[in-house]
Protein backbone atom coordinates (compact mmCIF):
# COMPACT_ATOMS: atom_id res chain seq x y z
CA MET A 1 0.00 0.00 0.00
CA ILE A 2 1.24 3.51 -0.82
CA PRO A 3 1.79 5.43 2.44
CA ALA A 4 -0.81 8.13 2.94
CA THR A 5 1.74 10.94 3.02
CA VAL A 6 4.12 9.79 0.27
CA TYR A 7 3.20 11.02 -3.20
CA ASP A 8 6.20 12.13 -5.23
CA ALA A 9 5.74 14.21 -8.38
CA ALA A 10 5.89 11.25 -10.76
CA THR A 11 3.33 9.24 -8.78
CA LEU A 12 1.03 12.23 -8.55
CA GLU A 13 1.23 12.74 -12.32
CA ILE A 14 0.37 9.09 -12.96
CA LEU A 15 -2.55 9.13 -10.54
CA TRP A 16 -3.76 12.50 -11.84
CA ASN A 17 -3.81 11.15 -15.40
CA GLY A 18 -5.71 8.11 -14.18
CA LEU A 19 -8.38 10.24 -12.52
CA THR A 20 -8.75 12.45 -15.57
CA ALA A 21 -8.95 9.44 -17.89
CA SER A 22 -11.78 8.07 -15.72
CA ALA A 23 -13.68 11.36 -16.04
CA ASP A 24 -13.06 11.40 -19.80
CA GLU A 25 -14.46 7.89 -20.15
CA ALA A 26 -17.54 8.95 -18.18
CA ALA A 27 -17.96 11.90 -20.56
CA ALA A 28 -17.68 9.61 -23.58
CA THR A 29 -20.38 7.41 -22.06
CA LEU A 30 -22.66 10.40 -21.52
CA VAL A 31 -22.21 11.61 -25.09
CA ARG A 32 -22.77 8.17 -26.63
CA THR A 33 -25.86 7.32 -24.60
CA SER A 34 -27.57 10.73 -24.54
CA PHE A 35 -30.72 11.41 -26.51
CA SER A 36 -30.50 15.17 -27.08
CA THR A 37 -28.31 17.12 -29.48
CA ILE A 38 -27.52 19.53 -26.63
CA VAL A 39 -25.34 16.86 -25.02
CA ARG A 40 -24.20 14.59 -27.84
CA GLU A 41 -23.58 17.35 -30.41
CA SER A 42 -23.16 20.61 -28.53
CA ASN A 43 -21.16 19.49 -25.49
CA ASP A 44 -23.27 21.32 -22.88
CA PHE A 45 -22.37 19.05 -19.97
CA ALA A 46 -19.70 18.17 -17.41
CA CYS A 47 -18.41 14.99 -15.76
CA VAL A 48 -16.42 15.53 -12.59
CA LEU A 49 -14.83 13.42 -9.87
CA LEU A 50 -15.11 14.90 -6.37
CA ASP A 51 -13.67 13.69 -3.08
CA ALA A 52 -15.73 12.71 -0.03
CA GLU A 53 -15.85 16.35 1.12
CA GLY A 54 -17.21 17.58 -2.21
CA ASP A 55 -14.01 19.14 -3.55
CA THR A 56 -13.21 18.73 -7.25
CA LEU A 57 -10.38 16.32 -8.05
CA ALA A 58 -10.60 15.77 -11.81
CA GLU A 59 -12.83 16.70 -14.71
CA SER A 60 -13.28 15.53 -18.26
CA HIS A 61 -11.54 17.60 -20.90
CA LEU A 62 -14.90 18.37 -22.52
CA SER A 63 -16.54 19.72 -19.36
CA ILE A 64 -18.13 23.19 -19.40
CA PRO A 65 -16.04 25.49 -17.14
CA SER A 66 -19.06 26.97 -15.37
CA PHE A 67 -20.42 23.51 -14.50
CA VAL A 68 -17.08 22.43 -13.07
CA GLY A 69 -17.00 25.56 -10.92
CA CYS A 70 -20.55 25.02 -9.66
CA LEU A 71 -20.45 21.31 -8.80
CA PRO A 72 -18.45 21.55 -5.53
CA HIS A 73 -20.94 24.09 -4.17
CA THR A 74 -23.84 21.76 -5.01
CA VAL A 75 -22.28 18.58 -3.61
CA LYS A 76 -21.29 20.31 -0.37
CA HIS A 77 -24.88 21.47 0.04
CA LEU A 78 -26.07 17.91 -0.58
CA LEU A 79 -23.72 16.66 2.13
CA ARG A 80 -25.24 19.14 4.58
CA ARG A 81 -28.74 18.09 3.61
CA PHE A 82 -27.94 14.37 3.41
CA PRO A 83 -25.11 13.61 5.90
CA PRO A 84 -22.36 11.23 4.72
CA ASP A 85 -23.53 8.39 6.96
CA ILE A 86 -26.91 8.05 5.21
CA TRP A 87 -25.55 7.65 1.68
CA GLN A 88 -25.57 4.10 0.28
CA PRO A 89 -24.22 2.35 -2.81
CA GLY A 90 -26.72 2.81 -5.64
CA ASP A 91 -27.88 6.26 -4.47
CA VAL A 92 -28.35 9.08 -6.99
CA VAL A 93 -29.43 12.63 -6.09
CA VAL A 94 -30.55 15.25 -8.61
CA THR A 95 -31.48 18.92 -8.48
CA ASN A 96 -31.87 21.92 -10.76
CA ASP A 97 -32.27 24.57 -8.04
CA PRO A 98 -30.57 27.65 -9.59
CA TRP A 99 -29.22 28.93 -6.27
CA LEU A 100 -27.75 25.54 -5.32
CA ALA A 101 -26.63 24.27 -8.70
CA THR A 102 -25.78 26.04 -11.97
CA GLY A 103 -27.87 29.19 -11.95
CA HIS A 104 -30.88 28.14 -14.04
CA ARG A 105 -33.40 25.31 -14.21
CA PRO A 106 -32.58 23.70 -17.58
CA ASP A 107 -29.39 22.18 -16.11
CA ILE A 108 -29.77 18.88 -14.23
CA THR A 109 -27.07 18.33 -11.60
CA MET A 110 -26.48 14.75 -10.46
CA ALA A 111 -24.33 13.29 -7.67
CA MET A 112 -23.60 9.59 -7.11
CA PRO A 113 -21.62 8.39 -4.07
CA ILE A 114 -18.58 6.17 -4.68
CA PHE A 115 -17.87 3.48 -2.09
CA HIS A 116 -14.65 1.49 -1.78
CA ARG A 117 -14.10 -1.22 0.80
CA GLY A 118 -17.26 -0.09 2.54
CA GLU A 119 -16.25 3.56 2.86
CA LEU A 120 -17.52 6.67 1.08
CA VAL A 121 -14.49 7.86 -0.90
CA GLY A 122 -15.94 10.35 -3.36
CA PHE A 123 -18.72 11.39 -5.73
CA ALA A 124 -19.31 11.03 -9.44
CA GLY A 125 -20.81 14.38 -10.40
CA SER A 126 -22.38 15.36 -13.69
CA ILE A 127 -24.42 18.19 -15.14
CA ALA A 128 -26.31 18.16 -18.43
CA HIS A 129 -28.45 20.84 -20.03
CA SER A 130 -31.88 19.31 -20.46
CA PRO A 131 -33.50 19.61 -23.89
CA ASP A 132 -36.63 20.86 -22.12
CA ILE A 133 -37.68 21.39 -18.51
CA GLY A 134 -41.09 22.92 -19.29
CA GLY A 135 -42.04 26.53 -18.62
CA ALA A 136 -41.34 29.25 -21.15
CA LEU A 137 -38.68 27.43 -23.17
CA TRP A 138 -35.10 28.56 -22.60
CA SER A 139 -35.81 32.27 -22.78
CA ALA A 140 -34.92 35.65 -21.32
CA ASP A 141 -38.31 37.28 -20.92
CA CYS A 142 -39.82 35.67 -17.81
CA ARG A 143 -40.61 37.75 -14.71
CA GLU A 144 -40.02 35.11 -12.01
CA VAL A 145 -38.14 31.84 -11.73
CA PHE A 146 -41.47 30.00 -11.35
CA GLU A 147 -42.18 30.64 -15.05
CA GLU A 148 -38.91 29.05 -16.12
CA GLY A 149 -39.81 25.40 -15.85
CA LEU A 150 -40.07 22.54 -13.38
CA GLY A 151 -38.11 23.11 -10.19
CA ILE A 152 -36.44 20.03 -8.66
CA PRO A 153 -35.09 20.41 -5.12
CA PRO A 154 -32.43 17.88 -4.07
CA LEU A 155 -34.25 14.54 -4.42
CA TRP A 156 -33.30 10.88 -4.63
CA LEU A 157 -33.51 9.66 -8.21
CA TYR A 158 -32.25 6.29 -7.00
CA ARG A 159 -32.21 5.11 -3.40
CA ALA A 160 -29.97 2.07 -2.84
CA GLY A 161 -30.49 1.15 -6.49
CA ALA A 162 -34.29 1.59 -6.52
CA LEU A 163 -35.56 4.07 -9.11
CA ASN A 164 -37.86 6.88 -7.94
CA ARG A 165 -40.49 6.40 -10.63
CA ASP A 166 -42.66 9.21 -9.29
CA LEU A 167 -39.87 11.71 -10.00
CA ILE A 168 -39.45 10.31 -13.50
CA GLU A 169 -43.17 10.69 -14.21
CA LEU A 170 -43.20 14.22 -12.81
CA TYR A 171 -40.27 15.17 -15.04
CA ARG A 172 -41.84 13.49 -18.06
CA ALA A 173 -45.15 15.32 -17.54
CA ASN A 174 -43.38 18.71 -17.59
CA SER A 175 -41.23 18.29 -20.70
CA ARG A 176 -42.17 18.99 -24.31
CA VAL A 177 -39.72 16.29 -25.44
CA PRO A 178 -39.92 13.78 -22.56
CA ASP A 179 -38.12 10.90 -24.27
CA GLN A 180 -35.06 13.08 -24.86
CA ALA A 181 -35.19 14.56 -21.36
CA ILE A 182 -35.52 11.22 -19.56
CA GLY A 183 -33.01 9.60 -21.91
CA ASP A 184 -30.40 12.21 -21.01
CA LEU A 185 -31.12 11.70 -17.32
CA HIS A 186 -30.38 7.98 -17.59
CA ALA A 187 -27.29 8.78 -19.66
CA GLN A 188 -25.99 10.81 -16.73
CA VAL A 189 -26.54 7.77 -14.49
CA ALA A 190 -24.59 5.61 -16.93
CA ALA A 191 -21.73 8.12 -16.95
CA GLY A 192 -21.62 8.10 -13.16
CA GLU A 193 -21.50 4.31 -13.07
CA VAL A 194 -18.56 4.26 -15.49
CA LEU A 195 -16.66 6.85 -13.44
CA THR A 196 -17.33 4.85 -10.28
CA ARG A 197 -16.05 1.60 -11.80
CA ARG A 198 -12.91 3.18 -13.23
CA LEU A 199 -12.02 4.90 -9.95
CA ILE A 200 -12.46 1.70 -7.94
CA GLU A 201 -10.34 -0.21 -10.45
CA MET A 202 -7.56 2.37 -10.06
CA LEU A 203 -7.73 2.29 -6.26
CA GLU A 204 -7.60 -1.50 -6.24
CA ASP A 205 -4.77 -1.61 -8.75
CA ARG A 206 -2.72 0.83 -6.63
CA ASP A 207 -3.85 -0.65 -3.32
CA ILE A 208 -5.11 2.77 -2.16
CA ARG A 209 -7.79 2.66 0.52
CA ASP A 210 -9.37 6.08 -0.11
CA LEU A 211 -8.79 9.42 -1.81
CA ARG A 212 -8.04 11.56 1.22
CA ALA A 213 -4.26 11.70 1.00
CA LEU A 214 -4.29 11.93 -2.78
CA SER A 215 -6.89 14.72 -2.67
CA VAL A 216 -4.85 16.71 -0.15
CA ALA A 217 -1.68 16.30 -2.24
CA LEU A 218 -3.28 17.28 -5.57
CA GLN A 219 -5.11 20.25 -4.14
CA ALA A 220 -2.03 21.45 -2.26
CA ARG A 221 0.01 21.44 -5.46
CA ALA A 222 -2.69 23.32 -7.38
CA GLU A 223 -3.13 25.86 -4.59
CA ALA A 224 0.62 26.48 -4.35
CA ALA A 225 0.83 27.07 -8.10
CA MET A 226 -2.03 29.56 -8.09
CA ARG A 227 -0.64 31.42 -5.08
CA ALA A 228 2.72 31.71 -6.79
CA ALA A 229 1.04 33.08 -9.92
CA ILE A 230 -0.89 35.68 -7.92
CA ARG A 231 2.21 36.63 -5.94
CA ALA A 232 3.93 37.51 -9.21
CA LEU A 233 1.35 40.26 -9.85
CA PRO A 234 1.89 43.80 -8.55
CA ASP A 235 -0.26 44.42 -5.46
CA GLY A 236 -3.11 46.82 -6.08
CA THR A 237 -6.72 47.20 -7.18
CA TYR A 238 -7.54 47.08 -10.88
CA ARG A 239 -10.97 48.29 -11.98
CA SER A 240 -13.13 47.89 -15.05
CA ALA A 241 -16.75 48.25 -16.14
CA VAL A 242 -18.65 46.56 -18.96
CA GLN A 243 -21.93 47.74 -20.47
CA LEU A 244 -24.59 45.25 -21.56
CA ASP A 245 -27.62 45.75 -23.77
CA GLY A 246 -29.89 44.51 -20.99
CA TYR A 247 -33.57 43.93 -21.64
CA ASP A 248 -35.53 47.13 -21.14
CA GLU A 249 -32.47 49.28 -20.41
CA PRO A 250 -28.67 48.93 -20.44
CA LEU A 251 -26.95 47.14 -17.57
CA ARG A 252 -23.52 47.58 -16.02
CA ILE A 253 -21.02 45.13 -14.58
CA ALA A 254 -18.53 46.86 -12.30
CA CYS A 255 -15.46 44.86 -11.35
CA ALA A 256 -12.57 45.51 -8.96
CA VAL A 257 -9.74 42.95 -8.88
CA THR A 258 -7.60 43.38 -5.77
CA VAL A 259 -4.26 41.61 -5.49
CA HIS A 260 -2.62 41.31 -2.09
CA ASP A 261 0.39 39.05 -1.71
CA ASP A 262 -0.81 35.56 -2.79
CA GLU A 263 -4.56 36.21 -2.71
CA LEU A 264 -6.94 37.81 -5.18
CA CYS A 265 -10.41 39.25 -4.59
CA ILE A 266 -12.97 40.02 -7.29
CA ASP A 267 -15.61 42.49 -6.11
CA TYR A 268 -18.69 43.39 -8.14
CA ALA A 269 -19.86 46.34 -6.00
CA GLY A 270 -21.42 48.97 -8.26
CA THR A 271 -23.01 46.40 -10.61
CA SER A 272 -26.61 47.07 -11.69
CA PRO A 273 -29.40 45.84 -9.37
CA GLN A 274 -31.19 42.61 -10.23
CA VAL A 275 -33.88 42.94 -12.90
CA ASP A 276 -37.31 41.42 -13.47
CA ARG A 277 -36.18 39.58 -16.59
CA GLY A 278 -34.21 36.35 -16.80
CA LEU A 279 -30.74 37.93 -16.99
CA ASN A 280 -29.87 37.62 -13.31
CA CYS A 281 -26.80 35.55 -12.50
CA VAL A 282 -26.76 33.78 -9.12
CA LEU A 283 -23.61 33.94 -7.02
CA VAL A 284 -22.52 30.31 -7.56
CA PHE A 285 -22.51 30.88 -11.34
CA THR A 286 -20.87 34.26 -10.87
CA ARG A 287 -18.07 32.64 -8.91
CA ALA A 288 -17.59 29.87 -11.48
CA TYR A 289 -17.20 32.31 -14.37
CA SER A 290 -14.99 34.60 -12.30
CA ILE A 291 -12.38 32.04 -11.27
CA TYR A 292 -12.15 30.47 -14.74
CA PRO A 293 -10.66 33.48 -16.61
CA VAL A 294 -8.26 34.07 -13.71
CA LYS A 295 -7.06 30.49 -14.03
CA CYS A 296 -6.71 30.88 -17.81
CA VAL A 297 -4.54 33.98 -17.51
CA LEU A 298 -2.47 33.32 -14.40
CA ASP A 299 -2.04 29.55 -14.21
CA PRO A 300 -3.21 27.76 -17.37
CA GLU A 301 -0.87 24.76 -17.23
CA THR A 302 -1.30 23.17 -13.79
CA PRO A 303 -4.18 20.79 -12.96
CA LYS A 304 -7.59 22.28 -12.23
CA ASN A 305 -9.13 21.36 -8.90
CA GLU A 306 -10.58 23.08 -5.88
CA GLY A 307 -7.12 23.90 -4.52
CA ALA A 308 -6.41 26.26 -7.41
CA TYR A 309 -9.45 28.35 -6.54
CA ARG A 310 -8.89 28.76 -2.79
CA PRO A 311 -6.74 31.89 -3.16
CA ILE A 312 -9.55 33.60 -5.14
CA GLN A 313 -12.44 35.30 -3.38
CA VAL A 314 -15.56 36.48 -5.24
CA VAL A 315 -17.98 38.92 -3.60
CA ALA A 316 -21.06 40.74 -4.85
CA PRO A 317 -23.76 42.78 -3.07
CA GLU A 318 -26.92 40.79 -2.43
CA GLY A 319 -29.71 41.91 -4.71
CA CYS A 320 -27.46 42.94 -7.59
CA LEU A 321 -27.41 41.50 -11.10
CA VAL A 322 -24.70 38.95 -10.21
CA ASN A 323 -26.14 37.94 -6.82
CA PRO A 324 -29.95 38.13 -7.11
CA ARG A 325 -32.48 37.24 -4.44
CA PHE A 326 -34.99 34.44 -4.94
CA PRO A 327 -37.36 34.29 -6.88
CA ALA A 328 -35.59 36.39 -9.51
CA PRO A 329 -35.82 35.06 -13.09
CA VAL A 330 -32.49 33.55 -14.13
CA ASN A 331 -33.10 31.53 -17.29
CA ALA A 332 -30.67 33.50 -19.50
CA ARG A 333 -28.08 34.04 -16.78
CA HIS A 334 -25.26 33.24 -19.20
CA LEU A 335 -25.89 36.57 -20.94
CA VAL A 336 -24.46 38.20 -17.82
CA GLY A 337 -22.30 35.45 -16.35
CA GLN A 338 -20.20 34.90 -19.46
CA VAL A 339 -19.44 38.61 -19.75
CA LEU A 340 -17.75 38.56 -16.34
CA SER A 341 -14.67 37.31 -18.16
CA SER A 342 -14.67 40.53 -20.22
CA ALA A 343 -14.65 42.66 -17.08
CA ILE A 344 -12.00 40.55 -15.33
CA LEU A 345 -9.68 40.41 -18.34
CA GLU A 346 -9.96 44.16 -18.83
CA ALA A 347 -8.97 44.66 -15.20
CA LEU A 348 -6.09 42.17 -15.38
CA PHE A 349 -4.84 43.86 -18.55
CA GLN A 350 -3.67 46.71 -16.33
CA ALA A 351 -1.39 44.30 -14.46
CA LEU A 352 -0.50 41.82 -17.24
CA PRO A 353 -0.93 43.55 -20.63
CA GLU A 354 1.18 40.94 -22.43
CA ARG A 355 -1.03 38.03 -21.27
CA VAL A 356 -4.57 39.32 -21.89
CA ILE A 357 -6.65 39.06 -25.06
CA ALA A 358 -9.10 41.65 -26.35
CA ASP A 359 -12.82 41.30 -25.65
CA SER A 360 -14.58 38.35 -27.28
CA GLY A 361 -17.74 38.53 -29.37
CA SER A 362 -18.63 35.03 -28.21
CA ALA A 363 -18.94 36.33 -24.64
CA PRO A 364 -21.82 35.99 -24.04
CA ALA A 365 -22.89 33.11 -26.26
CA PHE A 366 -25.64 33.91 -28.78
CA ARG A 367 -28.20 31.09 -28.56
CA THR A 368 -31.44 30.39 -30.44
CA VAL A 369 -34.05 27.79 -29.51
CA PHE A 370 -36.46 26.49 -32.16
CA SER A 371 -39.54 24.62 -30.94
CA GLY A 372 -42.71 23.28 -32.50
CA VAL A 373 -44.19 20.37 -34.43
CA GLY A 374 -41.98 18.38 -36.79
CA ARG A 375 -42.62 17.10 -40.28
CA HIS A 376 -44.23 13.89 -39.02
CA GLY A 377 -46.33 15.39 -36.24
CA GLU A 378 -43.72 14.83 -33.53
CA ARG A 379 -42.74 17.55 -31.04
CA PHE A 380 -39.25 18.92 -31.57
CA GLN A 381 -36.95 21.34 -29.80
CA PHE A 382 -33.52 22.34 -31.08
CA THR A 383 -30.97 24.73 -29.62
CA LEU A 384 -28.43 26.21 -32.02
CA PHE A 385 -25.06 26.55 -30.24
CA ALA A 386 -23.14 28.55 -32.85
CA ASN A 387 -20.46 31.03 -31.78
CA GLY A 388 -18.91 34.40 -32.52
CA GLY A 389 -15.23 35.35 -32.65
CA MET A 390 -12.73 35.58 -29.82
CA GLY A 391 -10.68 38.68 -29.09
CA ALA A 392 -7.33 39.27 -30.74
CA ARG A 393 -4.20 38.19 -28.86
CA PRO A 394 -1.11 40.34 -28.20
CA THR A 395 0.79 38.39 -30.87
CA ALA A 396 -1.88 36.74 -33.03
CA ASP A 397 -5.35 37.15 -34.49
CA GLY A 398 -8.38 36.11 -32.48
CA LEU A 399 -9.86 32.68 -33.08
CA PRO A 400 -12.90 32.72 -35.40
CA CYS A 401 -16.31 31.33 -34.46
CA THR A 402 -14.94 29.95 -31.20
CA PRO A 403 -16.76 29.68 -27.86
CA PHE A 404 -15.34 31.55 -24.87
CA PRO A 405 -15.54 31.39 -21.89
CA THR A 406 -17.77 28.37 -22.43
CA ASN A 407 -16.70 25.51 -24.71
CA SER A 408 -20.03 24.34 -26.12
CA ALA A 409 -20.05 23.49 -29.81
CA CYS A 410 -22.38 23.85 -32.76
CA ALA A 411 -24.22 20.73 -33.88
CA SER A 412 -23.74 19.77 -37.50
CA ILE A 413 -26.19 21.32 -39.92
CA GLU A 414 -27.02 17.87 -41.28
CA VAL A 415 -28.18 16.77 -37.82
CA MET A 416 -30.18 19.97 -37.37
CA GLU A 417 -31.99 19.54 -40.69
CA SER A 418 -32.66 15.83 -40.15
CA LEU A 419 -34.34 16.40 -36.76
CA THR A 420 -36.29 19.60 -37.41
CA PRO A 421 -38.53 21.20 -40.07
CA LEU A 422 -35.75 23.74 -40.68
CA THR A 423 -33.46 24.29 -43.65
CA VAL A 424 -30.11 26.06 -43.32
CA TRP A 425 -29.36 27.96 -46.52
CA ALA A 426 -26.05 29.41 -45.41
CA LYS A 427 -23.47 29.09 -42.65
CA GLN A 428 -20.70 31.40 -43.68
CA VAL A 429 -18.05 33.90 -42.67
CA ARG A 430 -19.38 37.30 -41.70
CA PRO A 431 -17.08 39.80 -43.46
CA ASP A 432 -15.62 42.70 -41.44
CA SER A 433 -16.98 41.27 -38.19
CA GLY A 434 -13.57 40.82 -36.52
CA GLY A 435 -12.39 44.02 -34.86
CA PRO A 436 -9.62 45.69 -36.90
CA GLY A 437 -6.19 45.85 -35.33
CA THR A 438 -2.53 45.02 -35.72
CA TRP A 439 -3.94 41.66 -34.77
CA ARG A 440 -7.51 41.23 -35.99
CA GLY A 441 -10.33 40.02 -33.77
CA GLY A 442 -11.80 36.61 -34.57
CA TYR A 443 -14.58 36.88 -37.11
CA GLY A 444 -18.17 35.88 -36.51
CA GLN A 445 -20.52 34.02 -38.82
CA GLU A 446 -23.90 34.36 -40.50
CA ILE A 447 -26.45 31.55 -40.47
CA ILE A 448 -29.59 31.69 -42.63
CA VAL A 449 -32.43 29.42 -41.43
CA GLN A 450 -35.82 28.84 -43.06
CA VAL A 451 -38.93 27.21 -41.63
CA SER A 452 -39.47 24.52 -44.28
CA GLY A 453 -42.31 22.67 -42.54
CA ASP A 454 -46.02 23.49 -42.73
CA GLN A 455 -46.46 24.46 -39.05
CA PRO A 456 -45.44 27.64 -37.17
CA VAL A 457 -42.23 27.43 -35.12
CA THR A 458 -41.52 29.30 -31.88
CA LEU A 459 -38.12 30.99 -31.79
CA SER A 460 -36.48 32.06 -28.54
CA VAL A 461 -33.50 34.39 -28.96
CA LEU A 462 -30.90 34.79 -26.22
CA SER A 463 -28.24 37.33 -27.14
CA ASP A 464 -26.41 40.48 -26.15
CA ARG A 465 -23.77 42.54 -27.97
CA GLY A 466 -26.50 44.18 -30.06
CA ARG A 467 -25.49 47.69 -28.98
CA HIS A 468 -22.27 47.10 -27.04
CA PRO A 469 -19.70 45.29 -29.21
CA ALA A 470 -16.59 43.51 -28.02
CA ARG A 471 -13.96 46.14 -27.34
CA GLY A 472 -10.42 46.22 -28.66
CA LEU A 473 -7.16 46.82 -26.78
CA ARG A 474 -4.22 49.17 -27.39
CA GLY A 475 -5.87 50.93 -30.31
CA GLY A 476 -7.68 47.88 -31.64
CA ARG A 477 -11.23 48.53 -32.79
CA PRO A 478 -14.42 46.79 -31.64
CA GLY A 479 -15.90 43.80 -33.39
CA ALA A 480 -19.26 43.74 -35.15
CA CYS A 481 -22.46 43.56 -33.10
CA VAL A 482 -24.99 40.72 -32.99
CA ASP A 483 -27.87 41.08 -35.44
CA VAL A 484 -31.10 39.07 -35.81
CA GLN A 485 -33.43 39.70 -38.74
CA LEU A 486 -36.54 38.18 -40.24
CA VAL A 487 -35.34 38.39 -43.82
CA SER A 488 -38.49 37.08 -45.47
CA ARG A 489 -40.58 39.95 -44.14
CA GLN A 490 -37.79 42.53 -43.69
CA ALA A 491 -38.37 42.88 -39.96
CA ASN A 492 -36.17 42.81 -36.89
CA LEU A 493 -36.63 40.06 -34.35
CA PRO A 494 -36.12 40.55 -30.63
CA ARG A 495 -32.52 39.99 -29.53
CA LYS A 496 -33.98 38.74 -26.25
CA GLY A 497 -37.42 37.19 -26.31
CA ARG A 498 -39.72 34.90 -28.25
CA ALA A 499 -41.37 35.16 -31.64
CA VAL A 500 -43.52 32.91 -33.82
CA LEU A 501 -42.14 32.08 -37.26
CA GLN A 502 -44.57 31.14 -40.01
CA PRO A 503 -43.94 28.46 -42.65
CA GLY A 504 -41.52 29.86 -45.21
CA ASP A 505 -40.06 32.49 -42.91
CA VAL A 506 -36.31 33.05 -43.24
CA VAL A 507 -34.18 34.22 -40.31
CA ALA A 508 -30.66 35.68 -40.52
CA LEU A 509 -28.53 35.15 -37.42
CA ARG A 510 -25.36 37.26 -37.42
CA TYR A 511 -22.79 36.54 -34.72
CA ALA A 512 -20.50 39.10 -33.13
CA GLY A 513 -16.78 39.41 -33.81
CA GLY A 514 -13.96 39.81 -31.30
CA GLY A 515 -12.14 43.05 -30.56
CA GLY A 516 -8.86 43.91 -32.29
CA TYR A 517 -5.45 44.40 -30.66
CA GLY A 518 -3.21 47.31 -31.66
CA ASP A 519 -3.45 49.97 -34.36
CA PRO A 520 -5.01 48.57 -37.57
CA ARG A 521 -2.62 50.70 -39.64
CA GLN A 522 0.26 48.68 -38.22
CA ARG A 523 -1.09 45.37 -39.51
CA ASP A 524 1.12 43.53 -41.97
CA PRO A 525 -0.25 44.35 -45.45
CA ALA A 526 0.27 40.73 -46.50
CA LEU A 527 -2.10 39.63 -43.74
CA VAL A 528 -4.69 42.18 -44.85
CA CYS A 529 -4.46 40.96 -48.44
CA ALA A 530 -4.85 37.36 -47.26
CA ASP A 531 -7.93 38.38 -45.26
CA VAL A 532 -9.44 39.99 -48.36
CA ARG A 533 -8.77 36.91 -50.48
CA SER A 534 -10.46 34.68 -47.89
CA GLY A 535 -13.48 36.97 -47.56
CA VAL A 536 -12.82 37.89 -43.92
CA VAL A 537 -12.15 41.58 -44.72
CA SER A 538 -13.83 43.54 -47.50
CA PRO A 539 -11.75 45.48 -50.05
CA ALA A 540 -13.32 48.71 -48.79
CA ALA A 541 -12.29 48.02 -45.18
CA ALA A 542 -8.79 47.06 -46.33
CA CYS A 543 -8.39 50.54 -47.81
CA GLU A 544 -10.36 52.67 -45.36
CA VAL A 545 -9.53 50.95 -42.06
CA TYR A 546 -6.19 49.24 -42.66
CA GLY A 547 -4.81 51.94 -44.99
CA LEU A 548 -3.89 49.78 -47.99
CA ALA A 549 -3.38 51.93 -51.07
CA GLN A 550 -4.03 49.00 -53.38
CA LEU A 551 -4.80 45.30 -53.18
């Protein structure tokens, strides 16, 4: 048996890779057994291994950063509600409480205890965005959380291996696409079972009784690395503010990043009060999307676990946009939560200008939900997870059509058209959408969708960046704004809200570009000419913005 206190660097690396591989295999299981395109095509999920105290140990490489940041909070609450001594093999607990889990009801959080040699050694945690939880679709226009779908407090889905069929029937009765919703739920169970088996196999193979010593060692290493990274920053307070379109009026995120020795505090005092639309971002989600960009900038290479986040404190006044009181509507909380990275990076730019990218047009993610009756009379619901461009880097162009700070992906158009009465006529580069600069912002895209069935389709639009584009740095210019148009009738659609599309209607979805970095006139002319040839920059912009005399 390996002594509890002896884990050299090589052994830790081997064990760390084993834990991560187990989480990756669980993720592969979830993807392959899921029923919805949200999970199997768009990657809106997480699989995480946690220790017996609820601290994160390892995550799958595909996991959504916000979900990983939220899971420890949820599992620790479950341990307070259900003490460790009452958990049994075969138990499964689920919840979608926004204030306990991931910030809105469409996400189903699941925890399964892992027992080894009769002792509770950890939890297999997973989160998956449900294809439908009832209520007002996935939308931004509700007035209270009660309108946003079925609420599930922490409940036993399985108790000692026995399925809670009443909960299944309740969930089924509240979903527009119940087979997909229940199928994804069971896929999460399958993923947890795989993670459990792989962990136990590793513990047996290494003759390790439990995860306590390993957890302490891994978290200590991660914490030390993060503290060293923070200590390298100049002490001080760095401030920024980001404007959002909001719903009825613009909103403001105020951010102060204070560095003191080896600790960092992110304070959102001065942020707009909570609103009566579904843009509010609960504190657990706020924290998750605050620590992630800090990790990306300061310590991107070392393992991610709860230890890395201990030196980071996140505070926000109760009742503000990023720490709302119940029962505030929260369905579209990503439209605020994902922009926290913009505020934090702008603040950190003052301390680390050579490490920070310009603002990203994909923050926040522009999402559209299509719902209605399919070609064969079946109910369908499809969420389009396409993305805008990332901000330019200090030494390179921004990445095009790339999600940040999330990592959800766009389902293939062939899958979309095969499952819905929709036809996609174009999915193409949006010219001049990347912010001009010495290094150009990542470009966005344009997607043209037509209702090709004979029934109306409800469209829910969740977007921002319609009036406040992604900003550039060091003279770089902003990227293009989001735009949503009903082309067939030459009318604008709401950038936040729901609309009914009639058969034959054509919608143009135009995604934002990232901000540029540096003076556009300093860009290498050869790069500008290459951009023109590829259709990323128009000839007019090459002359007027970048200063090319001829192409």
